[in-house]
């Protein structure tokens, strides 16, 4: 997997900021995050002190340095990464193991089947269903955006999508969500597409006008796009796809949130920038076996 330079710069900036804030009489923790089963490094894991907003990120080899205040010696450090079970470690236990190479922190891979999540909408006569894959997993960061009429699409870009299964007779598409990872110091433009399905492939665009969003730099997490004003009603399965419209940050293996295993039933669609024929990527896009994409549908009770 190719790691973009911008991610490495963010990791270095976090480390420099940590050193600057706590250089006087501080506690330094050095550790490497590893896969418990394979002993392989887990790159770019998130590390934070429980009860504190400040956090750092491990580098591409799983190594991190965390600076703490002396009074935080009795606190716990939380380590998390996409596709792994988060764990908390006592600061004192990490300090006891901090030698020249630092402590070893192990995370277990997260293996669980994904189920449809239902939540009750505010309106009493409607029910909201989140349908898709990796719903709200992998990151605590969520951003809600609305399509803007002032964002110009420009040239067509790469598209990647997934099949959304409509389990009720009729539903309204309230919003769609996708997991974004690896966004560096440049903003990106993304087009949201909804397609009918014909011959098991995306067919006709269901949106009467373009739904384009601009994502600010360094936004990593779940991106939810509000589509209620488009009034899209679906009765059959449809494809939800995103179109990458920014040349400066091309869609690649570190653009979207990737998970270790492909959920049963997930179908990934892809077509290149020239808007050619759709293809089903059973093994995923650019070595990504599974991506996080889902839709929130409203249906009458």
C-alpha atoms as a PDB file:
ATOM      1  CA  UNK A   1       0.000   0.000   0.000  1.00  0.00           C
ATOM      2  CA  UNK A   2       1.369   3.445  -0.938  1.00  0.00           C
ATOM      3  CA  UNK A   3       1.399   5.928   1.928  1.00  0.00           C
ATOM      4  CA  UNK A   4       1.036   9.568   0.947  1.00  0.00           C
ATOM      5  CA  UNK A   5       3.650  12.098   2.075  1.00  0.00           C
ATOM      6  CA  UNK A   6       0.950  14.296   3.600  1.00  0.00           C
ATOM      7  CA  UNK A   7       0.057  11.637   6.207  1.00  0.00           C
ATOM      8  CA  UNK A   8       3.692  11.343   7.275  1.00  0.00           C
ATOM      9  CA  UNK A   9       3.868  15.126   7.609  1.00  0.00           C
ATOM     10  CA  UNK A  10       0.819  15.110   9.883  1.00  0.00           C
ATOM     11  CA  UNK A  11       2.432  12.442  12.099  1.00  0.00           C
ATOM     12  CA  UNK A  12       5.644  14.478  12.323  1.00  0.00           C
ATOM     13  CA  UNK A  13       3.661  17.634  13.158  1.00  0.00           C
ATOM     14  CA  UNK A  14       1.804  15.823  15.957  1.00  0.00           C
ATOM     15  CA  UNK A  15       5.116  14.656  17.400  1.00  0.00           C
ATOM     16  CA  UNK A  16       6.632  18.168  17.241  1.00  0.00           C
ATOM     17  CA  UNK A  17       3.554  19.703  18.858  1.00  0.00           C
ATOM     18  CA  UNK A  18       3.621  17.107  21.621  1.00  0.00           C
ATOM     19  CA  UNK A  19       7.279  17.854  22.373  1.00  0.00           C
ATOM     20  CA  UNK A  20       6.679  21.619  22.381  1.00  0.00           C
ATOM     21  CA  UNK A  21       3.740  21.439  24.777  1.00  0.00           C
ATOM     22  CA  UNK A  22       5.307  19.102  27.353  1.00  0.00           C
ATOM     23  CA  UNK A  23       9.044  19.528  27.064  1.00  0.00           C
ATOM     24  CA  UNK A  24       9.442  20.742  30.664  1.00  0.00           C
ATOM     25  CA  UNK A  25       9.213  18.048  33.375  1.00  0.00           C
ATOM     26  CA  UNK A  26       7.060  15.852  31.142  1.00  0.00           C
ATOM     27  CA  UNK A  27       6.686  12.072  30.914  1.00  0.00           C
ATOM     28  CA  UNK A  28       7.694  10.520  27.604  1.00  0.00           C
ATOM     29  CA  UNK A  29       6.130   7.245  26.441  1.00  0.00           C
ATOM     30  CA  UNK A  30       7.649   5.432  23.472  1.00  0.00           C
ATOM     31  CA  UNK A  31       5.862   2.408  22.037  1.00  0.00           C
ATOM     32  CA  UNK A  32       5.129   0.394  18.902  1.00  0.00           C
ATOM     33  CA  UNK A  33       1.625  -0.833  18.010  1.00  0.00           C
ATOM     34  CA  UNK A  34       1.592  -4.439  16.752  1.00  0.00           C
ATOM     35  CA  UNK A  35      -0.933  -6.976  15.470  1.00  0.00           C
ATOM     36  CA  UNK A  36      -1.304  -9.586  18.228  1.00  0.00           C
ATOM     37  CA  UNK A  37      -1.753 -12.466  15.767  1.00  0.00           C
ATOM     38  CA  UNK A  38       0.957 -11.638  13.233  1.00  0.00           C
ATOM     39  CA  UNK A  39       3.301  -9.393  15.257  1.00  0.00           C
ATOM     40  CA  UNK A  40       3.263  -7.003  12.269  1.00  0.00           C
ATOM     41  CA  UNK A  41       3.310  -3.228  12.889  1.00  0.00           C
ATOM     42  CA  UNK A  42      -0.057  -1.428  12.672  1.00  0.00           C
ATOM     43  CA  UNK A  43       0.544   1.875  10.837  1.00  0.00           C
ATOM     44  CA  UNK A  44      -1.092   5.186  11.796  1.00  0.00           C
ATOM     45  CA  UNK A  45      -2.884   3.944  14.930  1.00  0.00           C
ATOM     46  CA  UNK A  46      -4.569   6.656  17.034  1.00  0.00           C
ATOM     47  CA  UNK A  47      -3.210   7.192  20.556  1.00  0.00           C
ATOM     48  CA  UNK A  48      -4.823   9.359  23.235  1.00  0.00           C
ATOM     49  CA  UNK A  49      -5.005   9.820  26.991  1.00  0.00           C
ATOM     50  CA  UNK A  50      -8.404   8.813  28.368  1.00  0.00           C
ATOM     51  CA  UNK A  51     -10.333  11.925  29.347  1.00  0.00           C
ATOM     52  CA  UNK A  52      -8.178  14.262  27.257  1.00  0.00           C
ATOM     53  CA  UNK A  53      -8.897  15.637  23.787  1.00  0.00           C
ATOM     54  CA  UNK A  54      -5.240  15.719  22.688  1.00  0.00           C
ATOM     55  CA  UNK A  55      -4.074  12.714  20.655  1.00  0.00           C
ATOM     56  CA  UNK A  56      -1.156  11.610  18.483  1.00  0.00           C
ATOM     57  CA  UNK A  57      -0.825   9.159  15.614  1.00  0.00           C
ATOM     58  CA  UNK A  58       1.685   6.360  15.154  1.00  0.00           C
ATOM     59  CA  UNK A  59       3.900   6.465  12.070  1.00  0.00           C
ATOM     60  CA  UNK A  60       3.871   4.009   9.153  1.00  0.00           C
ATOM     61  CA  UNK A  61       5.854   1.499  11.265  1.00  0.00           C
ATOM     62  CA  UNK A  62       3.441   1.671  14.217  1.00  0.00           C
ATOM     63  CA  UNK A  63       5.848   3.700  16.387  1.00  0.00           C
ATOM     64  CA  UNK A  64       4.700   6.679  18.462  1.00  0.00           C
ATOM     65  CA  UNK A  65       5.928   9.040  21.160  1.00  0.00           C
ATOM     66  CA  UNK A  66       3.447  10.497  23.660  1.00  0.00           C
ATOM     67  CA  UNK A  67       4.334  13.337  26.038  1.00  0.00           C
ATOM     68  CA  UNK A  68       2.349  13.564  29.288  1.00  0.00           C
ATOM     69  CA  UNK A  69       2.194  15.874  32.253  1.00  0.00           C
ATOM     70  CA  UNK A  70       3.520  14.453  35.556  1.00  0.00           C
ATOM     71  CA  UNK A  71       0.011  14.423  37.070  1.00  0.00           C
ATOM     72  CA  UNK A  72      -1.196  12.139  34.248  1.00  0.00           C
ATOM     73  CA  UNK A  73       1.002   9.260  35.358  1.00  0.00           C
ATOM     74  CA  UNK A  74      -2.029   7.451  36.849  1.00  0.00           C
ATOM     75  CA  UNK A  75      -4.155   7.857  33.709  1.00  0.00           C
ATOM     76  CA  UNK A  76      -4.767   5.359  30.905  1.00  0.00           C
ATOM     77  CA  UNK A  77      -3.698   5.510  27.263  1.00  0.00           C
ATOM     78  CA  UNK A  78      -6.186   4.412  24.591  1.00  0.00           C
ATOM     79  CA  UNK A  79      -4.874   2.864  21.348  1.00  0.00           C
ATOM     80  CA  UNK A  80      -7.173   2.244  18.369  1.00  0.00           C
ATOM     81  CA  UNK A  81      -6.946   1.483  14.658  1.00  0.00           C
ATOM     82  CA  UNK A  82      -9.289   0.563  11.799  1.00  0.00           C
ATOM     83  CA  UNK A  83     -10.234  -3.104  11.896  1.00  0.00           C
ATOM     84  CA  UNK A  84      -8.884  -3.663  15.439  1.00  0.00           C
ATOM     85  CA  UNK A  85     -10.370  -3.794  18.936  1.00  0.00           C
ATOM     86  CA  UNK A  86      -9.391  -0.647  20.869  1.00  0.00           C
ATOM     87  CA  UNK A  87      -7.472  -1.144  24.121  1.00  0.00           C
ATOM     88  CA  UNK A  88      -6.535   0.941  27.143  1.00  0.00           C
ATOM     89  CA  UNK A  89      -3.168   0.689  28.901  1.00  0.00           C
ATOM     90  CA  UNK A  90      -2.064   2.139  32.231  1.00  0.00           C
ATOM     91  CA  UNK A  91       0.547   4.844  31.789  1.00  0.00           C
ATOM     92  CA  UNK A  92       2.668   3.281  34.543  1.00  0.00           C
ATOM     93  CA  UNK A  93       2.713  -0.098  32.789  1.00  0.00           C
ATOM     94  CA  UNK A  94       3.970   1.504  29.568  1.00  0.00           C
ATOM     95  CA  UNK A  95       6.660   3.433  31.442  1.00  0.00           C
ATOM     96  CA  UNK A  96       7.951   0.234  33.076  1.00  0.00           C
ATOM     97  CA  UNK A  97       8.567  -1.254  29.606  1.00  0.00           C
ATOM     98  CA  UNK A  98      10.033   1.850  28.000  1.00  0.00           C
ATOM     99  CA  UNK A  99      13.638   0.958  27.197  1.00  0.00           C
ATOM    100  CA  UNK A 100      15.676   2.049  24.225  1.00  0.00           C
ATOM    101  CA  UNK A 101      13.099   0.663  21.810  1.00  0.00           C
ATOM    102  CA  UNK A 102      10.000   1.460  23.830  1.00  0.00           C
ATOM    103  CA  UNK A 103       7.022  -0.655  24.863  1.00  0.00           C
ATOM    104  CA  UNK A 104       5.168  -3.117  22.637  1.00  0.00           C
ATOM    105  CA  UNK A 105       1.415  -2.537  22.402  1.00  0.00           C
ATOM    106  CA  UNK A 106      -0.705  -5.328  20.900  1.00  0.00           C
ATOM    107  CA  UNK A 107      -4.173  -5.025  19.321  1.00  0.00           C
ATOM    108  CA  UNK A 108      -6.468  -7.857  18.256  1.00  0.00           C
ATOM    109  CA  UNK A 109      -8.096  -7.903  14.827  1.00  0.00           C
ATOM    110  CA  UNK A 110     -11.810  -7.143  14.903  1.00  0.00           C
ATOM    111  CA  UNK A 111     -13.800  -9.989  13.350  1.00  0.00           C
ATOM    112  CA  UNK A 112     -17.548  -9.667  13.543  1.00  0.00           C
ATOM    113  CA  UNK A 113     -20.466  -9.914  11.180  1.00  0.00           C
ATOM    114  CA  UNK A 114     -22.205  -6.691  10.262  1.00  0.00           C
ATOM    115  CA  UNK A 115     -25.925  -6.370  10.790  1.00  0.00           C
ATOM    116  CA  UNK A 116     -28.504  -3.843   9.719  1.00  0.00           C
ATOM    117  CA  UNK A 117     -28.833  -1.071  12.320  1.00  0.00           C
ATOM    118  CA  UNK A 118     -32.235   0.466  12.953  1.00  0.00           C
ATOM    119  CA  UNK A 119     -32.893   3.736  14.774  1.00  0.00           C
ATOM    120  CA  UNK A 120     -36.172   5.509  15.400  1.00  0.00           C
ATOM    121  CA  UNK A 121     -36.567   8.806  13.578  1.00  0.00           C
ATOM    122  CA  UNK A 122     -37.983  11.889  15.317  1.00  0.00           C
ATOM    123  CA  UNK A 123     -41.181  11.765  13.254  1.00  0.00           C
ATOM    124  CA  UNK A 124     -43.466   9.150  14.780  1.00  0.00           C
ATOM    125  CA  UNK A 125     -44.640   7.741  11.435  1.00  0.00           C
ATOM    126  CA  UNK A 126     -41.190   7.159   9.963  1.00  0.00           C
ATOM    127  CA  UNK A 127     -38.376   4.735  10.701  1.00  0.00           C
ATOM    128  CA  UNK A 128     -34.731   5.307   9.812  1.00  0.00           C
ATOM    129  CA  UNK A 129     -32.576   2.379   8.700  1.00  0.00           C
ATOM    130  CA  UNK A 130     -28.825   2.415   8.172  1.00  0.00           C
ATOM    131  CA  UNK A 131     -28.093  -0.108   5.430  1.00  0.00           C
ATOM    132  CA  UNK A 132     -24.663  -0.955   4.100  1.00  0.00           C
ATOM    133  CA  UNK A 133     -21.243  -1.857   5.420  1.00  0.00           C
ATOM    134  CA  UNK A 134     -19.013  -1.001   8.407  1.00  0.00           C
ATOM    135  CA  UNK A 135     -21.690   1.290   9.842  1.00  0.00           C
ATOM    136  CA  UNK A 136     -20.008   3.820  12.174  1.00  0.00           C
ATOM    137  CA  UNK A 137     -17.051   1.459  12.778  1.00  0.00           C
ATOM    138  CA  UNK A 138     -13.368   2.229  12.846  1.00  0.00           C
ATOM    139  CA  UNK A 139     -13.298   5.895  13.889  1.00  0.00           C
ATOM    140  CA  UNK A 140     -14.975   8.286  16.366  1.00  0.00           C
ATOM    141  CA  UNK A 141     -14.852  11.185  13.911  1.00  0.00           C
ATOM    142  CA  UNK A 142     -18.043  12.110  12.028  1.00  0.00           C
ATOM    143  CA  UNK A 143     -18.663  15.030   9.678  1.00  0.00           C
ATOM    144  CA  UNK A 144     -22.069  16.038   8.282  1.00  0.00           C
ATOM    145  CA  UNK A 145     -22.083  17.920   4.977  1.00  0.00           C
ATOM    146  CA  UNK A 146     -24.698  19.149   2.519  1.00  0.00           C
ATOM    147  CA  UNK A 147     -24.199  19.373  -1.260  1.00  0.00           C
ATOM    148  CA  UNK A 148     -23.404  22.907  -2.423  1.00  0.00           C
ATOM    149  CA  UNK A 149     -24.662  24.536  -5.617  1.00  0.00           C
ATOM    150  CA  UNK A 150     -21.515  26.671  -5.717  1.00  0.00           C
ATOM    151  CA  UNK A 151     -19.069  23.742  -5.995  1.00  0.00           C
ATOM    152  CA  UNK A 152     -18.252  23.133  -9.664  1.00  0.00           C
ATOM    153  CA  UNK A 153     -17.771  19.511 -10.719  1.00  0.00           C
ATOM    154  CA  UNK A 154     -15.100  20.026 -13.378  1.00  0.00           C
ATOM    155  CA  UNK A 155     -13.941  16.954 -15.305  1.00  0.00           C
ATOM    156  CA  UNK A 156     -15.243  13.476 -14.561  1.00  0.00           C
ATOM    157  CA  UNK A 157     -13.248  11.446 -12.048  1.00  0.00           C
ATOM    158  CA  UNK A 158     -12.859   7.912 -10.770  1.00  0.00           C
ATOM    159  CA  UNK A 159     -15.945   6.359  -9.208  1.00  0.00           C
ATOM    160  CA  UNK A 160     -16.236   3.683  -6.560  1.00  0.00           C
ATOM    161  CA  UNK A 161     -19.458   2.422  -5.031  1.00  0.00           C
ATOM    162  CA  UNK A 162     -21.390  -0.349  -3.334  1.00  0.00           C
ATOM    163  CA  UNK A 163     -24.785  -1.992  -3.688  1.00  0.00           C
ATOM    164  CA  UNK A 164     -27.388  -0.893  -1.120  1.00  0.00           C
ATOM    165  CA  UNK A 165     -30.082  -3.449  -0.406  1.00  0.00           C
ATOM    166  CA  UNK A 166     -33.589  -2.020   0.029  1.00  0.00           C
ATOM    167  CA  UNK A 167     -35.386  -4.332   2.428  1.00  0.00           C
ATOM    168  CA  UNK A 168     -38.660  -2.429   2.617  1.00  0.00           C
ATOM    169  CA  UNK A 169     -41.092  -1.891  -0.230  1.00  0.00           C
ATOM    170  CA  UNK A 170     -40.439   1.852  -0.513  1.00  0.00           C
ATOM    171  CA  UNK A 171     -37.946   4.182   1.152  1.00  0.00           C
ATOM    172  CA  UNK A 172     -36.613   7.742   0.914  1.00  0.00           C
ATOM    173  CA  UNK A 173     -32.829   8.265   0.848  1.00  0.00           C
ATOM    174  CA  UNK A 174     -32.096  10.587   3.776  1.00  0.00           C
ATOM    175  CA  UNK A 175     -28.296  10.539   3.578  1.00  0.00           C
ATOM    176  CA  UNK A 176     -25.289   8.525   2.477  1.00  0.00           C
ATOM    177  CA  UNK A 177     -22.004   8.005   4.330  1.00  0.00           C
ATOM    178  CA  UNK A 178     -18.508   6.881   3.427  1.00  0.00           C
ATOM    179  CA  UNK A 179     -15.316   6.445   5.425  1.00  0.00           C
ATOM    180  CA  UNK A 180     -12.510   8.814   4.444  1.00  0.00           C
ATOM    181  CA  UNK A 181      -8.878   8.135   5.361  1.00  0.00           C
ATOM    182  CA  UNK A 182      -5.564   9.593   4.317  1.00  0.00           C
ATOM    183  CA  UNK A 183      -6.798  13.077   3.431  1.00  0.00           C
ATOM    184  CA  UNK A 184      -3.781  15.382   3.746  1.00  0.00           C
ATOM    185  CA  UNK A 185      -3.238  19.114   3.431  1.00  0.00           C
ATOM    186  CA  UNK A 186      -5.377  19.659   0.322  1.00  0.00           C
ATOM    187  CA  UNK A 187      -9.151  19.930   0.093  1.00  0.00           C
ATOM    188  CA  UNK A 188     -10.990  17.525  -2.205  1.00  0.00           C
ATOM    189  CA  UNK A 189     -14.226  17.644  -4.200  1.00  0.00           C
ATOM    190  CA  UNK A 190     -16.440  14.573  -4.193  1.00  0.00           C
ATOM    191  CA  UNK A 191     -19.564  13.915  -6.225  1.00  0.00           C
ATOM    192  CA  UNK A 192     -22.290  11.732  -4.704  1.00  0.00           C
ATOM    193  CA  UNK A 193     -24.040   9.421  -7.168  1.00  0.00           C
ATOM    194  CA  UNK A 194     -27.075   7.147  -6.805  1.00  0.00           C
ATOM    195  CA  UNK A 195     -27.719   4.674  -9.608  1.00  0.00           C
ATOM    196  CA  UNK A 196     -30.426   2.186 -10.463  1.00  0.00           C
ATOM    197  CA  UNK A 197     -29.086  -1.320 -11.110  1.00  0.00           C
ATOM    198  CA  UNK A 198     -29.366  -3.209 -14.369  1.00  0.00           C
ATOM    199  CA  UNK A 199     -27.654  -6.524 -15.101  1.00  0.00           C
ATOM    200  CA  UNK A 200     -26.022  -6.292 -11.645  1.00  0.00           C
ATOM    201  CA  UNK A 201     -24.228  -3.025 -12.556  1.00  0.00           C
ATOM    202  CA  UNK A 202     -24.949   0.682 -11.932  1.00  0.00           C
ATOM    203  CA  UNK A 203     -27.209   1.965 -14.702  1.00  0.00           C
ATOM    204  CA  UNK A 204     -29.140   5.277 -14.519  1.00  0.00           C
ATOM    205  CA  UNK A 205     -28.304   8.227 -12.256  1.00  0.00           C
ATOM    206  CA  UNK A 206     -31.232   8.802  -9.867  1.00  0.00           C
ATOM    207  CA  UNK A 207     -30.237  12.365  -8.932  1.00  0.00           C
ATOM    208  CA  UNK A 208     -31.876  15.118 -10.997  1.00  0.00           C
ATOM    209  CA  UNK A 209     -28.985  17.505 -10.315  1.00  0.00           C
ATOM    210  CA  UNK A 210     -25.368  16.998  -9.162  1.00  0.00           C
ATOM    211  CA  UNK A 211     -24.680  16.523  -5.466  1.00  0.00           C
ATOM    212  CA  UNK A 212     -21.129  17.776  -4.928  1.00  0.00           C
ATOM    213  CA  UNK A 213     -19.358  18.447  -1.623  1.00  0.00           C
ATOM    214  CA  UNK A 214     -16.044  20.050  -0.721  1.00  0.00           C
ATOM    215  CA  UNK A 215     -14.125  18.339   2.084  1.00  0.00           C
ATOM    216  CA  UNK A 216     -11.670  20.499   3.993  1.00  0.00           C
ATOM    217  CA  UNK A 217      -8.031  19.402   4.536  1.00  0.00           C
ATOM    218  CA  UNK A 218      -7.248  16.843   7.254  1.00  0.00           C
ATOM    219  CA  UNK A 219     -10.849  15.600   7.514  1.00  0.00           C
ATOM    220  CA  UNK A 220     -10.527  11.883   8.268  1.00  0.00           C
ATOM    221  CA  UNK A 221     -13.508   9.835   9.435  1.00  0.00           C
ATOM    222  CA  UNK A 222     -17.117   9.245   8.426  1.00  0.00           C
ATOM    223  CA  UNK A 223     -18.450  11.759   5.887  1.00  0.00           C
ATOM    224  CA  UNK A 224     -22.267  11.924   5.894  1.00  0.00           C
ATOM    225  CA  UNK A 225     -23.947  13.766   3.008  1.00  0.00           C
ATOM    226  CA  UNK A 226     -27.536  15.006   3.475  1.00  0.00           C
ATOM    227  CA  UNK A 227     -29.726  14.132   0.460  1.00  0.00           C
ATOM    228  CA  UNK A 228     -33.217  14.795   1.845  1.00  0.00           C
ATOM    229  CA  UNK A 229     -33.861  17.815  -0.380  1.00  0.00           C
ATOM    230  CA  UNK A 230     -33.303  15.638  -3.468  1.00  0.00           C
ATOM    231  CA  UNK A 231     -36.452  13.614  -2.615  1.00  0.00           C
ATOM    232  CA  UNK A 232     -35.136  10.290  -3.928  1.00  0.00           C
ATOM    233  CA  UNK A 233     -37.553   7.397  -3.386  1.00  0.00           C
ATOM    234  CA  UNK A 234     -36.292   3.860  -3.992  1.00  0.00           C
ATOM    235  CA  UNK A 235     -38.178   0.585  -4.223  1.00  0.00           C
ATOM    236  CA  UNK A 236     -35.366  -1.714  -5.348  1.00  0.00           C
ATOM    237  CA  UNK A 237     -31.671  -2.129  -4.606  1.00  0.00           C
ATOM    238  CA  UNK A 238     -29.520   0.741  -5.837  1.00  0.00           C
ATOM    239  CA  UNK A 239     -25.844   1.644  -6.091  1.00  0.00           C
ATOM    240  CA  UNK A 240     -24.307   4.383  -3.970  1.00  0.00           C
ATOM    241  CA  UNK A 241     -21.054   5.699  -5.483  1.00  0.00           C
ATOM    242  CA  UNK A 242     -18.668   8.583  -4.929  1.00  0.00           C
ATOM    243  CA  UNK A 243     -16.823  10.334  -7.736  1.00  0.00           C
ATOM    244  CA  UNK A 244     -13.329  11.657  -6.982  1.00  0.00           C
ATOM    245  CA  UNK A 245     -13.156  15.091  -8.640  1.00  0.00           C
ATOM    246  CA  UNK A 246      -9.787  16.420  -7.397  1.00  0.00           C
ATOM    247  CA  UNK A 247      -6.683  15.914  -9.493  1.00  0.00           C
ATOM    248  CA  UNK A 248      -4.342  17.009  -6.686  1.00  0.00           C
ATOM    249  CA  UNK A 249      -5.359  14.150  -4.394  1.00  0.00           C
ATOM    250  CA  UNK A 250      -6.078  11.149  -6.601  1.00  0.00           C
ATOM    251  CA  UNK A 251      -8.194   8.304  -5.320  1.00  0.00           C
ATOM    252  CA  UNK A 252      -5.806   5.558  -4.181  1.00  0.00           C
ATOM    253  CA  UNK A 253      -5.383   2.732  -1.700  1.00  0.00           C
ATOM    254  CA  UNK A 254      -5.196   5.095   1.290  1.00  0.00           C
ATOM    255  CA  UNK A 255      -8.064   7.427   0.329  1.00  0.00           C
ATOM    256  CA  UNK A 256     -10.954   5.463   1.854  1.00  0.00           C
ATOM    257  CA  UNK A 257     -11.352   3.622   5.138  1.00  0.00           C
ATOM    258  CA  UNK A 258     -10.273   0.027   4.552  1.00  0.00           C
ATOM    259  CA  UNK A 259     -11.166  -2.989   6.665  1.00  0.00           C
ATOM    260  CA  UNK A 260      -9.379  -6.294   6.935  1.00  0.00           C
ATOM    261  CA  UNK A 261     -12.212  -8.508   5.702  1.00  0.00           C
ATOM    262  CA  UNK A 262     -14.956  -8.123   3.116  1.00  0.00           C
ATOM    263  CA  UNK A 263     -18.453  -8.495   4.656  1.00  0.00           C
ATOM    264  CA  UNK A 264     -20.680 -11.149   3.172  1.00  0.00           C
ATOM    265  CA  UNK A 265     -22.765  -9.673   0.389  1.00  0.00           C
ATOM    266  CA  UNK A 266     -20.757  -6.499  -0.229  1.00  0.00           C
ATOM    267  CA  UNK A 267     -20.409  -5.714  -3.937  1.00  0.00           C
ATOM    268  CA  UNK A 268     -17.843  -3.058  -4.922  1.00  0.00           C
ATOM    269  CA  UNK A 269     -18.225  -1.203  -8.229  1.00  0.00           C
ATOM    270  CA  UNK A 270     -15.475   0.804  -9.907  1.00  0.00           C
ATOM    271  CA  UNK A 271     -14.825   2.702 -13.110  1.00  0.00           C
ATOM    272  CA  UNK A 272     -11.879   4.917 -14.102  1.00  0.00           C
ATOM    273  CA  UNK A 273     -11.796   8.651 -14.735  1.00  0.00           C
ATOM    274  CA  UNK A 274     -12.820   8.397 -18.376  1.00  0.00           C
ATOM    275  CA  UNK A 275     -16.261   7.189 -17.168  1.00  0.00           C
ATOM    276  CA  UNK A 276     -15.893   3.878 -18.971  1.00  0.00           C
ATOM    277  CA  UNK A 277     -17.795   0.640 -18.287  1.00  0.00           C
ATOM    278  CA  UNK A 278     -18.472  -0.328 -14.708  1.00  0.00           C
ATOM    279  CA  UNK A 279     -16.589  -3.266 -13.242  1.00  0.00           C
ATOM    280  CA  UNK A 280     -17.215  -5.353 -10.144  1.00  0.00           C
ATOM    281  CA  UNK A 281     -14.088  -5.432  -8.015  1.00  0.00           C
ATOM    282  CA  UNK A 282     -14.480  -8.558  -5.923  1.00  0.00           C
ATOM    283  CA  UNK A 283     -11.066  -8.113  -4.353  1.00  0.00           C
ATOM    284  CA  UNK A 284     -11.597  -4.410  -3.752  1.00  0.00           C
ATOM    285  CA  UNK A 285     -10.148  -1.209  -5.200  1.00  0.00           C
ATOM    286  CA  UNK A 286      -6.362  -0.878  -5.385  1.00  0.00           C
ATOM    287  CA  UNK A 287      -5.659  -3.678  -2.875  1.00  0.00           C
ATOM    288  CA  UNK A 288      -8.485  -2.531  -0.560  1.00  0.00           C
ATOM    289  CA  UNK A 289     -10.477  -5.629   0.312  1.00  0.00           C
ATOM    290  CA  UNK A 290     -13.383  -3.832   1.937  1.00  0.00           C
ATOM    291  CA  UNK A 291     -14.575  -0.223   2.207  1.00  0.00           C
ATOM    292  CA  UNK A 292     -17.010   1.568   4.504  1.00  0.00           C
ATOM    293  CA  UNK A 293     -20.108   2.854   2.691  1.00  0.00           C
ATOM    294  CA  UNK A 294     -23.737   2.934   3.801  1.00  0.00           C
ATOM    295  CA  UNK A 295     -27.052   4.782   3.332  1.00  0.00           C
ATOM    296  CA  UNK A 296     -29.698   5.988   5.783  1.00  0.00           C
ATOM    297  CA  UNK A 297     -33.200   5.266   4.453  1.00  0.00           C
ATOM    298  CA  UNK A 298     -36.561   6.539   5.761  1.00  0.00           C
ATOM    299  CA  UNK A 299     -39.617   4.343   5.447  1.00  0.00           C
ATOM    300  CA  UNK A 300     -43.135   4.535   6.841  1.00  0.00           C
ATOM    301  CA  UNK A 301     -43.910   2.315   9.791  1.00  0.00           C
END
